[in-house]
């Protein structure tokens, strides 16, 4: 039995490489590294990022391949912050092997990762996302004909208590204090201010009146759990046939779905055209009732895209003018687009597409923001948030590719893999034995095996 020494000896002056600790490696990240190396990922990103690096001066840089791999680690390990990614890499021998770090190299810290993110522009991150989508297209995982669109909110890296007035620049506490003093409360304490704030009327916080000084792009919005936070809006375009993410945009959380749909749809069409130049492009869009409006349906019809947008309960529409009793041309166009969309949604295929949209699109939200750890972002500004979300979506697509090739899309999927294989083998054996007994007419009885070959010969 090994025991802790009373006094630890000093570290030896010389250590051979054979005495250094090693690990067997992580099979998932080894497979992921093999996929990236076979496709020439490092050469591709190095050629893209060459313009951002000085040739002969500056601090030692973080290789582009390592930078993007660290962001992939953030998705597969469920780490939201760059500090968490840097700490996890420094603590894991298998992740050091994934990043190709030598035994004498120090793992990159969070400041180097953050500096590299600010150095590389959004277009380069988008090019990496397109590169991953091309690998999916080569594997037959991008159809691109029918795209489902939906949005979710991401909590921003800013607190509600730090917001300030757009007109006067005063903080929320100073604003409440001024209102309390104007109402007759002299030298109010914090408890008095909280009591006054709860009892006052018209206390709704509006984005037109308030802003965050730390992150002006963050907007006040209600989250999925009902709480109010400063947030960003992430909108996905997902291939309804395969589940691949073909577009992802970051926009103001205060914008409605009908206002953000065109940008996401345009990006989806561009990405599908880039990875499938010979294809027909996006032909159908599936969305929920938040995207339903006359402008949206007419716009989709004008560009030749069929809409499958759920219609909310709004009562009977009146298309005729009250004075003339005739239908204006613009309303007639909206009427035709709305009725065509209603006919498609109520059909059998439309209902099936709506069920599939709830499965495919919501699954990407769960992978990227729940298990992927990015429901709350730790960077500020739409530009930085979009960089993180683009690589997060690229990692989600890589997981889809690995799941298609090996049956495992995340490192956590390997847990219990051997037990699942054994159970599957037992089920197959039981099923095969049941088929044989039905064919041969075996029957177990207390006197013996009725229906066996010996029993047949005896009878």
Foldseek 3Di string as FASTA:
>chain_A
DDDDDPDDDDDDPDDDPVPDDADPAFVVLVVVLVVCVVLVVQVVLCVVCVVLDDDPDDDDADRRVLLLVLLLCLQQQQNFALQVSQVVCQVDNNSCVSSVPDPPDHGDHSVRSVVVLVSDFLVSLLVLLLSLVLVCVVVVQPPQAEKEKDKFKFFEQAWPQQKAWPPPRHGPQVVLVVVCVVVPDPPDDPVRSVVSQVPDPPNDDAQVTIAHPVFRQFGWDQHPVGDTHGIKMKMFIARLVRLATQFIAIHYPPDFPLVPVVVRQVSSQVSCCVSCVPDPHYAEYEYEQSNDDLVSLLVCVVVRHQYQYHHDPDDDDDQADPPPRHGDPSSVSSVVSVVSNVVQCPDPVNVVSNVSSVVSVVVLCCSQPPSSNRSYHNDHDRRSVSSSVSSSSSSQSQLSVCCVVPVGRHSVVCVCPVVVVVVVVVVVVVVVVVVVCVVQVWDDDPVGIDSDPVNVVVD
